[in-house]
């Protein structure tokens, strides 16, 4: 059973559950059309100011409150419901990027257009001093009404100049898209170039139909990234047009060199922005 109401919002269904809480599809009765929204409810036992869940909730609020771009999900509301915290964003009707690629099988022109949209959204976030740091296909939605990409989930986002979150087992699901400096335990700086690394991995996957790092062993992925050893699937990129192949190869390889600077000019780094 799930609650029927959270704050002023009427719950419709559960969209997903995770370690940090539950995401619901809900109705905002305050809007003229009673629009659908996505409501993320943080577990009531995880709302202490030092908890990862609270930090993620606060990070997403801080990021989305300063971002206004058609390619980035919009913040609707935040609040408390009893002892639980919640965050509400627009509801994006569509499929995650990985499902869209698998089911729609878009041609090269649409792939490039979707990638450009993601690059533009992230470049805009960087121009506002926000680094996403958790880019992956499941955090990008392709809208049903048009082939428009929307970037979601800024729960790990950081402002320019602040240290990033180090890797721990709780974030193993995104390791294949994380830049080497995000996996380091020595406090290496993270930032715009870390997002560029993830973008390169996503672009590779969009073009060749499989992840750059396909194995599930976290230790192996971390070793390959830290030593610069390219996985066997890298050679498949030779099958795509030369210009795009060059972009994909450049993106992950740039990350270590670029991440050492205090701030990056994303419009120059992102090849499609």
Foldseek 3Di string as FASTA:
>chain_A
DDDQDFVQWGFDAWPDADPQFTKTWTFRPVDPVRAIKIKGKGDLVQCPPPGLSVLLVVQVCVLQVQDDDPQEWHWDDWDDGVSITMTITHDAAFAFQLVCCVPVVDDPVLLLVQLLLVLVRQLRSQVVQKHQQQDDRRQWGQHPVHRGIHGHRSSQMDGFPDFGAADDPSPLVRLLLFALQNPDPPRQFADDLRVLSSSLQRSLCSVQVAGQDHDSDNVVSNVCRVVVPGDPCLVVLVVDDPVSNVSSVCRNVCRVVPRNDRGDNSVVVRPSD
